[in-house]
Amino acid sequence: MTNEEIRLQKALSIAGIASRRKAEEMMLAGRVKVNGKVVRELGTRIDPTRDSVMVDGRPVQLDPERVYLAFHKPKNIISTMSDEYGRPCLADFFQGFERVFNVGRLDSDTSGLILMTNDGELANQLAHPSFGVEKLYVAKVQGKIQRTQLQQLQDGVELEDGLQKADRVHLLDQNAVESLVEIVLHSGKNRIVRRMLEAVGHPVIELTRKSFGPLRLGNLKPGQYRELSKLEVSSLLSAVSKPQN
């Protein structure tokens, strides 16, 4: 036993998963696993920063030092925590937080959802293509896009870095001069949505990321952030629990 170890039911309570009494009931009912094994012994002690805990089959984060924030990045903000040219960047919005950083990037012209955290392990997993984390974008593009071009985006378009495919594409609205398209993909390559749409003849006018894995942008306005709920954090942990490939 180390100095960092505390009773499991206390760890669950501190993390806001359940009251201590409720946590004990969950343990006795066999609903709690530690490092893959069901734990019913109420005297069980864990290290919240190291041990893997699941409740009802869902991973939970018990480390109270972890920070998870959903942020609506405005346009013309650089997706870094520092910029050598002094341009506005993410750090300008998170002065009160220590060591938080962004998971992935959105280019300067793109707005939308970015996850900010100090959980390096989760960040690396979410960014890795083997976990297949989906991102949903809404793009306003030039011209009246055709069904054949929507299908082409799903079948694949040849770019300078190879064949790129969207997971799903849906036409939301259009008129004679522009179209509104929803596009879902798991690639994290630089400016991938803009490059794909331009390749089929419809350059992007505006682009917003609406979701990242299980997270949704919701009603967040540009420049606003919110703390993730326990369920959202659990959903993120679940999203990277099993690689897709």
C-alpha atoms as a PDB file:
ATOM      1  CA  MET A   1       0.000   0.000   0.000  1.00  0.00           C
ATOM      2  CA  THR A   2       1.220   3.516  -0.835  1.00  0.00           C
ATOM      3  CA  ASN A   3       0.373   6.842   0.727  1.00  0.00           C
ATOM      4  CA  GLU A   4      -1.744   7.683  -2.328  1.00  0.00           C
ATOM      5  CA  GLU A   5      -4.136   4.763  -1.843  1.00  0.00           C
ATOM      6  CA  ILE A   6      -7.620   5.401  -0.447  1.00  0.00           C
ATOM      7  CA  ARG A   7     -10.733   3.304  -0.029  1.00  0.00           C
ATOM      8  CA  LEU A   8     -12.496   2.664  -3.321  1.00  0.00           C
ATOM      9  CA  GLN A   9     -15.867   3.952  -2.105  1.00  0.00           C
ATOM     10  CA  LYS A  10     -14.209   7.176  -0.944  1.00  0.00           C
ATOM     11  CA  ALA A  11     -12.528   7.621  -4.330  1.00  0.00           C
ATOM     12  CA  LEU A  12     -15.861   7.170  -6.097  1.00  0.00           C
ATOM     13  CA  SER A  13     -17.453   9.707  -3.759  1.00  0.00           C
ATOM     14  CA  ILE A  14     -14.685  12.313  -4.158  1.00  0.00           C
ATOM     15  CA  ALA A  15     -14.941  11.995  -7.928  1.00  0.00           C
ATOM     16  CA  GLY A  16     -18.684  12.643  -7.783  1.00  0.00           C
ATOM     17  CA  ILE A  17     -19.610   9.229  -9.175  1.00  0.00           C
ATOM     18  CA  ALA A  18     -21.819   8.328  -6.204  1.00  0.00           C
ATOM     19  CA  SER A  19     -22.184   8.955  -2.476  1.00  0.00           C
ATOM     20  CA  ARG A  20     -19.990   6.770  -0.292  1.00  0.00           C
ATOM     21  CA  ARG A  21     -22.965   4.688   0.837  1.00  0.00           C
ATOM     22  CA  LYS A  22     -24.237   4.295  -2.722  1.00  0.00           C
ATOM     23  CA  ALA A  23     -20.744   3.348  -3.872  1.00  0.00           C
ATOM     24  CA  GLU A  24     -20.639   0.605  -1.237  1.00  0.00           C
ATOM     25  CA  GLU A  25     -23.974  -0.719  -2.490  1.00  0.00           C
ATOM     26  CA  MET A  26     -22.629  -0.733  -6.040  1.00  0.00           C
ATOM     27  CA  MET A  27     -19.540  -2.629  -4.942  1.00  0.00           C
ATOM     28  CA  LEU A  28     -21.544  -5.241  -3.045  1.00  0.00           C
ATOM     29  CA  ALA A  29     -23.757  -5.710  -6.106  1.00  0.00           C
ATOM     30  CA  GLY A  30     -20.706  -6.484  -8.256  1.00  0.00           C
ATOM     31  CA  ARG A  31     -21.060  -3.352 -10.360  1.00  0.00           C
ATOM     32  CA  VAL A  32     -17.503  -2.077  -9.787  1.00  0.00           C
ATOM     33  CA  LYS A  33     -14.305  -3.405 -11.350  1.00  0.00           C
ATOM     34  CA  VAL A  34     -10.726  -2.449 -10.516  1.00  0.00           C
ATOM     35  CA  ASN A  35      -8.110  -3.289 -13.136  1.00  0.00           C
ATOM     36  CA  GLY A  36     -10.590  -5.602 -14.840  1.00  0.00           C
ATOM     37  CA  LYS A  37     -11.697  -7.553 -11.737  1.00  0.00           C
ATOM     38  CA  VAL A  38     -14.992  -7.258  -9.852  1.00  0.00           C
ATOM     39  CA  VAL A  39     -14.378  -5.846  -6.358  1.00  0.00           C
ATOM     40  CA  ARG A  40     -16.893  -6.437  -3.563  1.00  0.00           C
ATOM     41  CA  GLU A  41     -14.588  -6.029  -0.554  1.00  0.00           C
ATOM     42  CA  LEU A  42     -15.451  -2.700   1.095  1.00  0.00           C
ATOM     43  CA  GLY A  43     -11.938  -2.365   2.481  1.00  0.00           C
ATOM     44  CA  THR A  44     -10.389  -2.305  -0.991  1.00  0.00           C
ATOM     45  CA  ARG A  45      -7.950   0.568  -1.454  1.00  0.00           C
ATOM     46  CA  ILE A  46      -6.860   2.026  -4.787  1.00  0.00           C
ATOM     47  CA  ASP A  47      -4.590   4.699  -6.204  1.00  0.00           C
ATOM     48  CA  PRO A  48      -6.962   7.028  -8.138  1.00  0.00           C
ATOM     49  CA  THR A  49      -4.107   8.251 -10.320  1.00  0.00           C
ATOM     50  CA  ARG A  50      -3.040   4.793 -11.489  1.00  0.00           C
ATOM     51  CA  ASP A  51      -5.744   2.145 -11.088  1.00  0.00           C
ATOM     52  CA  SER A  52      -8.362   1.535 -13.784  1.00  0.00           C
ATOM     53  CA  VAL A  53     -11.923   1.568 -12.423  1.00  0.00           C
ATOM     54  CA  MET A  54     -15.171   0.700 -14.197  1.00  0.00           C
ATOM     55  CA  VAL A  55     -18.742   1.090 -12.972  1.00  0.00           C
ATOM     56  CA  ASP A  56     -21.506  -0.785 -14.794  1.00  0.00           C
ATOM     57  CA  GLY A  57     -19.056  -1.586 -17.573  1.00  0.00           C
ATOM     58  CA  ARG A  58     -18.071   2.047 -18.164  1.00  0.00           C
ATOM     59  CA  PRO A  59     -14.624   3.438 -17.336  1.00  0.00           C
ATOM     60  CA  VAL A  60     -14.601   6.291 -14.803  1.00  0.00           C
ATOM     61  CA  GLN A  61     -11.951   8.905 -14.057  1.00  0.00           C
ATOM     62  CA  LEU A  62     -11.193   9.150 -10.325  1.00  0.00           C
ATOM     63  CA  ASP A  63      -8.129  11.400 -10.400  1.00  0.00           C
ATOM     64  CA  PRO A  64      -9.337  14.749  -8.977  1.00  0.00           C
ATOM     65  CA  GLU A  65      -6.443  16.585 -10.653  1.00  0.00           C
ATOM     66  CA  ARG A  66      -7.712  15.815 -14.158  1.00  0.00           C
ATOM     67  CA  VAL A  67      -9.369  18.646 -16.079  1.00  0.00           C
ATOM     68  CA  TYR A  68     -11.671  18.164 -19.091  1.00  0.00           C
ATOM     69  CA  LEU A  69     -13.170  21.163 -20.890  1.00  0.00           C
ATOM     70  CA  ALA A  70     -15.216  21.576 -24.058  1.00  0.00           C
ATOM     71  CA  PHE A  71     -14.254  24.820 -25.815  1.00  0.00           C
ATOM     72  CA  HIS A  72     -15.818  26.596 -28.781  1.00  0.00           C
ATOM     73  CA  LYS A  73     -12.808  27.926 -30.654  1.00  0.00           C
ATOM     74  CA  PRO A  74     -13.630  31.114 -32.522  1.00  0.00           C
ATOM     75  CA  LYS A  75     -12.314  31.857 -36.005  1.00  0.00           C
ATOM     76  CA  ASN A  76      -8.901  33.524 -36.273  1.00  0.00           C
ATOM     77  CA  ILE A  77      -7.579  31.805 -33.124  1.00  0.00           C
ATOM     78  CA  ILE A  78      -4.462  29.644 -33.452  1.00  0.00           C
ATOM     79  CA  SER A  79      -4.875  26.118 -32.013  1.00  0.00           C
ATOM     80  CA  THR A  80      -1.773  26.224 -29.824  1.00  0.00           C
ATOM     81  CA  MET A  81      -0.995  27.232 -26.243  1.00  0.00           C
ATOM     82  CA  SER A  82       1.651  29.697 -27.422  1.00  0.00           C
ATOM     83  CA  ASP A  83       2.412  31.490 -30.660  1.00  0.00           C
ATOM     84  CA  GLU A  84       5.853  32.805 -31.580  1.00  0.00           C
ATOM     85  CA  TYR A  85       4.314  35.592 -33.662  1.00  0.00           C
ATOM     86  CA  GLY A  86       2.078  36.849 -30.877  1.00  0.00           C
ATOM     87  CA  ARG A  87      -1.167  35.929 -32.621  1.00  0.00           C
ATOM     88  CA  PRO A  88      -4.297  35.177 -30.549  1.00  0.00           C
ATOM     89  CA  CYS A  89      -4.200  31.540 -29.427  1.00  0.00           C
ATOM     90  CA  LEU A  90      -5.941  29.102 -27.091  1.00  0.00           C
ATOM     91  CA  ALA A  91      -3.842  30.143 -24.098  1.00  0.00           C
ATOM     92  CA  ASP A  92      -5.621  33.517 -24.106  1.00  0.00           C
ATOM     93  CA  PHE A  93      -8.820  31.773 -22.966  1.00  0.00           C
ATOM     94  CA  PHE A  94      -7.329  29.540 -20.255  1.00  0.00           C
ATOM     95  CA  GLN A  95      -5.166  31.807 -18.105  1.00  0.00           C
ATOM     96  CA  GLY A  96      -6.652  30.372 -14.903  1.00  0.00           C
ATOM     97  CA  PHE A  97      -5.745  26.765 -15.678  1.00  0.00           C
ATOM     98  CA  GLU A  98      -2.406  25.062 -15.163  1.00  0.00           C
ATOM     99  CA  ARG A  99      -1.016  22.773 -17.862  1.00  0.00           C
ATOM    100  CA  VAL A 100      -4.173  22.311 -19.925  1.00  0.00           C
ATOM    101  CA  PHE A 101      -3.641  21.792 -23.642  1.00  0.00           C
ATOM    102  CA  ASN A 102      -5.700  21.088 -26.733  1.00  0.00           C
ATOM    103  CA  VAL A 103      -6.456  17.646 -28.162  1.00  0.00           C
ATOM    104  CA  GLY A 104      -5.887  18.011 -31.891  1.00  0.00           C
ATOM    105  CA  ARG A 105      -6.202  21.241 -33.819  1.00  0.00           C
ATOM    106  CA  LEU A 106      -8.569  23.309 -35.890  1.00  0.00           C
ATOM    107  CA  ASP A 107      -7.051  25.637 -38.452  1.00  0.00           C
ATOM    108  CA  SER A 108      -7.323  29.362 -37.838  1.00  0.00           C
ATOM    109  CA  ASP A 109     -10.267  29.829 -40.231  1.00  0.00           C
ATOM    110  CA  THR A 110     -12.291  27.003 -38.648  1.00  0.00           C
ATOM    111  CA  SER A 111     -14.448  27.394 -35.554  1.00  0.00           C
ATOM    112  CA  GLY A 112     -15.950  24.760 -33.306  1.00  0.00           C
ATOM    113  CA  LEU A 113     -15.355  22.147 -30.657  1.00  0.00           C
ATOM    114  CA  ILE A 114     -11.932  21.500 -29.140  1.00  0.00           C
ATOM    115  CA  LEU A 115     -11.257  19.364 -26.072  1.00  0.00           C
ATOM    116  CA  MET A 116      -8.910  20.953 -23.528  1.00  0.00           C
ATOM    117  CA  THR A 117      -7.376  18.722 -20.861  1.00  0.00           C
ATOM    118  CA  ASN A 118      -4.332  17.931 -18.744  1.00  0.00           C
ATOM    119  CA  ASP A 119      -4.795  14.178 -19.309  1.00  0.00           C
ATOM    120  CA  GLY A 120      -1.890  13.388 -21.618  1.00  0.00           C
ATOM    121  CA  GLU A 121      -2.628   9.679 -21.970  1.00  0.00           C
ATOM    122  CA  LEU A 122      -6.227  10.223 -23.034  1.00  0.00           C
ATOM    123  CA  ALA A 123      -5.180  13.037 -25.387  1.00  0.00           C
ATOM    124  CA  ASN A 124      -2.684  10.782 -27.164  1.00  0.00           C
ATOM    125  CA  GLN A 125      -5.271   8.035 -27.569  1.00  0.00           C
ATOM    126  CA  LEU A 126      -7.963  10.388 -28.877  1.00  0.00           C
ATOM    127  CA  ALA A 127      -5.532  11.804 -31.427  1.00  0.00           C
ATOM    128  CA  HIS A 128      -4.359   8.378 -32.646  1.00  0.00           C
ATOM    129  CA  PRO A 129      -6.086   7.194 -35.862  1.00  0.00           C
ATOM    130  CA  SER A 130      -6.254   3.569 -34.652  1.00  0.00           C
ATOM    131  CA  PHE A 131      -9.056   4.516 -32.249  1.00  0.00           C
ATOM    132  CA  GLY A 132     -11.200   5.934 -35.057  1.00  0.00           C
ATOM    133  CA  VAL A 133     -12.610   8.877 -33.127  1.00  0.00           C
ATOM    134  CA  GLU A 134     -15.159  10.588 -35.371  1.00  0.00           C
ATOM    135  CA  LYS A 135     -15.420  14.333 -35.925  1.00  0.00           C
ATOM    136  CA  LEU A 136     -18.547  15.959 -37.353  1.00  0.00           C
ATOM    137  CA  TYR A 137     -18.279  19.207 -39.322  1.00  0.00           C
ATOM    138  CA  VAL A 138     -20.804  21.518 -40.923  1.00  0.00           C
ATOM    139  CA  ALA A 139     -19.429  23.283 -43.989  1.00  0.00           C
ATOM    140  CA  LYS A 140     -20.899  26.098 -46.061  1.00  0.00           C
ATOM    141  CA  VAL A 141     -19.419  25.693 -49.533  1.00  0.00           C
ATOM    142  CA  GLN A 142     -19.490  27.545 -52.826  1.00  0.00           C
ATOM    143  CA  GLY A 143     -21.879  26.274 -55.467  1.00  0.00           C
ATOM    144  CA  LYS A 144     -24.717  23.789 -55.646  1.00  0.00           C
ATOM    145  CA  ILE A 145     -23.190  20.450 -54.671  1.00  0.00           C
ATOM    146  CA  GLN A 146     -24.518  17.379 -56.481  1.00  0.00           C
ATOM    147  CA  ARG A 147     -25.364  13.914 -55.144  1.00  0.00           C
ATOM    148  CA  THR A 148     -22.574  12.439 -57.236  1.00  0.00           C
ATOM    149  CA  GLN A 149     -20.087  14.718 -55.492  1.00  0.00           C
ATOM    150  CA  LEU A 150     -21.415  13.767 -52.061  1.00  0.00           C
ATOM    151  CA  GLN A 151     -20.929  10.125 -53.013  1.00  0.00           C
ATOM    152  CA  GLN A 152     -17.446  10.886 -54.280  1.00  0.00           C
ATOM    153  CA  LEU A 153     -16.522  12.258 -50.836  1.00  0.00           C
ATOM    154  CA  GLN A 154     -17.529   8.929 -49.299  1.00  0.00           C
ATOM    155  CA  ASP A 155     -15.905   6.811 -52.004  1.00  0.00           C
ATOM    156  CA  GLY A 156     -12.696   8.813 -51.694  1.00  0.00           C
ATOM    157  CA  VAL A 157     -10.925  11.752 -53.293  1.00  0.00           C
ATOM    158  CA  GLU A 158      -7.281  11.690 -54.277  1.00  0.00           C
ATOM    159  CA  LEU A 159      -5.243  14.357 -52.487  1.00  0.00           C
ATOM    160  CA  GLU A 160      -1.504  15.016 -52.386  1.00  0.00           C
ATOM    161  CA  ASP A 161      -1.225  12.776 -49.290  1.00  0.00           C
ATOM    162  CA  GLY A 162      -3.300   9.922 -50.687  1.00  0.00           C
ATOM    163  CA  LEU A 163      -6.915   8.799 -51.000  1.00  0.00           C
ATOM    164  CA  GLN A 164      -9.139  10.377 -48.341  1.00  0.00           C
ATOM    165  CA  LYS A 165     -12.664   9.216 -47.529  1.00  0.00           C
ATOM    166  CA  ALA A 166     -15.475  10.692 -45.465  1.00  0.00           C
ATOM    167  CA  ASP A 167     -17.338   8.276 -43.181  1.00  0.00           C
ATOM    168  CA  ARG A 168     -20.673   9.962 -43.879  1.00  0.00           C
ATOM    169  CA  VAL A 169     -21.873  12.996 -45.846  1.00  0.00           C
ATOM    170  CA  HIS A 170     -25.281  14.666 -45.713  1.00  0.00           C
ATOM    171  CA  LEU A 171     -26.675  17.659 -47.585  1.00  0.00           C
ATOM    172  CA  LEU A 172     -28.410  19.983 -45.101  1.00  0.00           C
ATOM    173  CA  ASP A 173     -29.475  22.844 -47.363  1.00  0.00           C
ATOM    174  CA  GLN A 174     -28.591  24.620 -50.582  1.00  0.00           C
ATOM    175  CA  ASN A 175     -29.532  27.365 -52.991  1.00  0.00           C
ATOM    176  CA  ALA A 176     -28.266  28.427 -56.382  1.00  0.00           C
ATOM    177  CA  VAL A 177     -24.937  29.787 -55.086  1.00  0.00           C
ATOM    178  CA  GLU A 178     -23.972  27.780 -51.983  1.00  0.00           C
ATOM    179  CA  SER A 179     -24.611  24.548 -50.081  1.00  0.00           C
ATOM    180  CA  LEU A 180     -24.593  23.477 -46.440  1.00  0.00           C
ATOM    181  CA  VAL A 181     -23.007  20.063 -45.932  1.00  0.00           C
ATOM    182  CA  GLU A 182     -22.521  17.835 -42.881  1.00  0.00           C
ATOM    183  CA  ILE A 183     -19.421  15.666 -43.110  1.00  0.00           C
ATOM    184  CA  VAL A 184     -18.163  13.033 -40.666  1.00  0.00           C
ATOM    185  CA  LEU A 185     -14.647  11.590 -40.734  1.00  0.00           C
ATOM    186  CA  HIS A 186     -12.034  10.276 -38.341  1.00  0.00           C
ATOM    187  CA  SER A 187      -8.940  11.564 -40.112  1.00  0.00           C
ATOM    188  CA  GLY A 188      -7.039  14.238 -38.229  1.00  0.00           C
ATOM    189  CA  LYS A 189      -4.961  15.399 -41.189  1.00  0.00           C
ATOM    190  CA  ASN A 190      -4.329  19.095 -41.649  1.00  0.00           C
ATOM    191  CA  ARG A 191      -7.223  20.993 -43.296  1.00  0.00           C
ATOM    192  CA  ILE A 192      -8.651  17.675 -44.479  1.00  0.00           C
ATOM    193  CA  VAL A 193     -12.296  18.820 -44.806  1.00  0.00           C
ATOM    194  CA  ARG A 194     -11.376  21.943 -46.743  1.00  0.00           C
ATOM    195  CA  ARG A 195      -9.063  20.024 -49.067  1.00  0.00           C
ATOM    196  CA  MET A 196     -11.627  17.281 -49.764  1.00  0.00           C
ATOM    197  CA  LEU A 197     -14.427  19.720 -50.560  1.00  0.00           C
ATOM    198  CA  GLU A 198     -12.188  21.813 -52.764  1.00  0.00           C
ATOM    199  CA  ALA A 199     -11.132  18.644 -54.589  1.00  0.00           C
ATOM    200  CA  VAL A 200     -14.748  18.011 -55.651  1.00  0.00           C
ATOM    201  CA  GLY A 201     -15.131  21.609 -56.809  1.00  0.00           C
ATOM    202  CA  HIS A 202     -16.764  23.279 -53.801  1.00  0.00           C
ATOM    203  CA  PRO A 203     -14.374  25.464 -51.780  1.00  0.00           C
ATOM    204  CA  VAL A 204     -15.348  26.071 -48.162  1.00  0.00           C
ATOM    205  CA  ILE A 205     -16.793  29.430 -47.143  1.00  0.00           C
ATOM    206  CA  GLU A 206     -17.344  28.613 -43.450  1.00  0.00           C
ATOM    207  CA  LEU A 207     -16.461  25.513 -41.418  1.00  0.00           C
ATOM    208  CA  THR A 208     -17.462  24.513 -37.890  1.00  0.00           C
ATOM    209  CA  ARG A 209     -16.705  21.324 -35.964  1.00  0.00           C
ATOM    210  CA  LYS A 210     -19.882  20.299 -34.161  1.00  0.00           C
ATOM    211  CA  SER A 211     -18.724  17.131 -32.423  1.00  0.00           C
ATOM    212  CA  PHE A 212     -15.597  15.260 -31.385  1.00  0.00           C
ATOM    213  CA  GLY A 213     -16.209  11.600 -30.584  1.00  0.00           C
ATOM    214  CA  PRO A 214     -19.095  11.524 -28.074  1.00  0.00           C
ATOM    215  CA  LEU A 215     -18.768  15.246 -27.262  1.00  0.00           C
ATOM    216  CA  ARG A 216     -21.163  17.807 -28.744  1.00  0.00           C
ATOM    217  CA  LEU A 217     -20.642  21.534 -29.193  1.00  0.00           C
ATOM    218  CA  GLY A 218     -24.231  22.199 -28.129  1.00  0.00           C
ATOM    219  CA  ASN A 219     -25.075  25.774 -27.216  1.00  0.00           C
ATOM    220  CA  LEU A 220     -21.529  26.928 -26.479  1.00  0.00           C
ATOM    221  CA  LYS A 221     -20.873  30.287 -28.087  1.00  0.00           C
ATOM    222  CA  PRO A 222     -17.481  31.147 -29.646  1.00  0.00           C
ATOM    223  CA  GLY A 223     -14.972  31.773 -26.869  1.00  0.00           C
ATOM    224  CA  GLN A 224     -16.976  29.894 -24.233  1.00  0.00           C
ATOM    225  CA  TYR A 225     -15.980  26.663 -22.488  1.00  0.00           C
ATOM    226  CA  ARG A 226     -17.592  24.297 -20.006  1.00  0.00           C
ATOM    227  CA  GLU A 227     -16.447  21.441 -17.819  1.00  0.00           C
ATOM    228  CA  LEU A 228     -17.363  17.992 -19.082  1.00  0.00           C
ATOM    229  CA  SER A 229     -19.854  15.942 -17.109  1.00  0.00           C
ATOM    230  CA  LYS A 230     -18.803  12.641 -15.528  1.00  0.00           C
ATOM    231  CA  LEU A 231     -20.802  10.826 -18.200  1.00  0.00           C
ATOM    232  CA  GLU A 232     -19.008  12.702 -20.991  1.00  0.00           C
ATOM    233  CA  VAL A 233     -15.590  11.868 -19.517  1.00  0.00           C
ATOM    234  CA  SER A 234     -16.645   8.229 -19.210  1.00  0.00           C
ATOM    235  CA  SER A 235     -17.807   8.280 -22.841  1.00  0.00           C
ATOM    236  CA  LEU A 236     -14.411   9.604 -23.942  1.00  0.00           C
ATOM    237  CA  LEU A 237     -12.622   6.887 -21.977  1.00  0.00           C
ATOM    238  CA  SER A 238     -14.923   4.292 -23.552  1.00  0.00           C
ATOM    239  CA  ALA A 239     -14.221   5.680 -27.030  1.00  0.00           C
ATOM    240  CA  VAL A 240     -10.535   4.828 -26.701  1.00  0.00           C
ATOM    241  CA  SER A 241     -10.876   1.599 -24.736  1.00  0.00           C
ATOM    242  CA  LYS A 242     -10.702  -0.531 -27.894  1.00  0.00           C
ATOM    243  CA  PRO A 243      -8.774   0.431 -31.039  1.00  0.00           C
ATOM    244  CA  GLN A 244     -10.700   0.146 -34.300  1.00  0.00           C
ATOM    245  CA  ASN A 245      -7.802  -1.460 -36.163  1.00  0.00           C
END
